[in-house]
Amino acid sequence: VPSKYAIIFVAVQYNVTYTTDDNSEQFHFYDYGPKDIATIFFYMLVAINLHAVIQEYILDKINRRLHLSKMKHSKFNESGQLVFFYLFSFIWGASILNADEFVMNPTSLWKDYPHSRMLFQVKFFYICQIAYWLHALPELYFQKIRKEDIPRQLCYICLYIAHISGAYMLNLQHLGLILMVPHYLVELIFHASRLFYFSDENKQKGFNIWALLFIMVRLLTLTLSVLAFGFGLARVENPDFSIADGNFNVLPVRFGCLGAVCLTQAWMMWKFINFHLKKWREHVKNQIPKKKITNAKNKRTKKEPNRANFVNGAANLEGGASPRIRKSK
């Protein structure tokens, strides 16, 4: 009996096997259900342990060499953990897209919806994604994150959980994968650039690449979302809303999903623009005092020859000549 319950936590559940008409070939697919909560919980604990291993054996050793301040130390740990996760998730997600050829066939985003039958790799990918972002919540306490950083981290963690869980439960796994992979690539470049910046503040070229790709991925996300929710799924709409059959292709759900994606992308662009405007203002502010100092020095150099001709209020002519005395009339 214990082993039976242990399998619920470790193994991916809801395996469904389909056979062809002549029983010559079998196809294994997966559905989702309440037992996934136990599986997600188990892999959340795995993520917590991996987080501790990476922190102790890699990031802490690098931190001791760099001698970072408390603020940079916290950001370095955050970026270090996320670099490992984004790199692993990007490679894994890209391999799934390449194997299933989702990218080469955009109509697969809405064709034959609902996509309630998942391959093992797709389901396990989503299980691990949800488990990782759930593990990030207790890590805010375990890692003793600064109070100033908690609202920011809590915000993007909850957004990840909501969007990934939504794609998983609404049978939009194909669309979620295509949107996740380029987004993870951009985030990987950003956090890797931040690590290089902490090691050497002159290394800032990575941020320029990140800024360009960030805008491109935001446009790609909006385009694909409008294409999928506004055109593709609308053409194959099934008015029979059914949780049991996994059919969520109705107007209110599509409108809500598209609105959530658009609002999130707009919020990210707003923060991106504000960040760069703040940096630009700081740069301009730092340049103004330098110009004032330069002008002040130039004025002083011009006045110095005139001041040199006066010593203790008396005129000091060149060559040491005394002033000519006028004869009184």
Foldseek 3Di string as FASTA:
>chain_A
DVVVVVCLQDPADAWDWDADPVRPDIDIWGFDDDSLVSNLQNLLVVLLVVLVCCVPPPLVVVCVVLVDDPVLSLLLSVLSSLLVVLVVLLVLLVVVCVVVVCVVPVLVQAPPPQQRTHDPSLVVSLSNQLSNLVSVVCVCVVVVHDPVCVVVSVVVSVLSNVLSVVCRQLSRSSLVSVLSNLVSVLSSLVSVQSNVCSNPVVRNVSVVVSVVSLVVSLVVNLVSLCCNLVPSLVVVADPPDDSVVSHPSDDVVSVVSSVSSVVVSVVVVVVVVVVVVVVVVVVVVVVVVVVVVVVVVVVCVVCVVVVVQDDPNDGQDPPRDDDDDDDDD
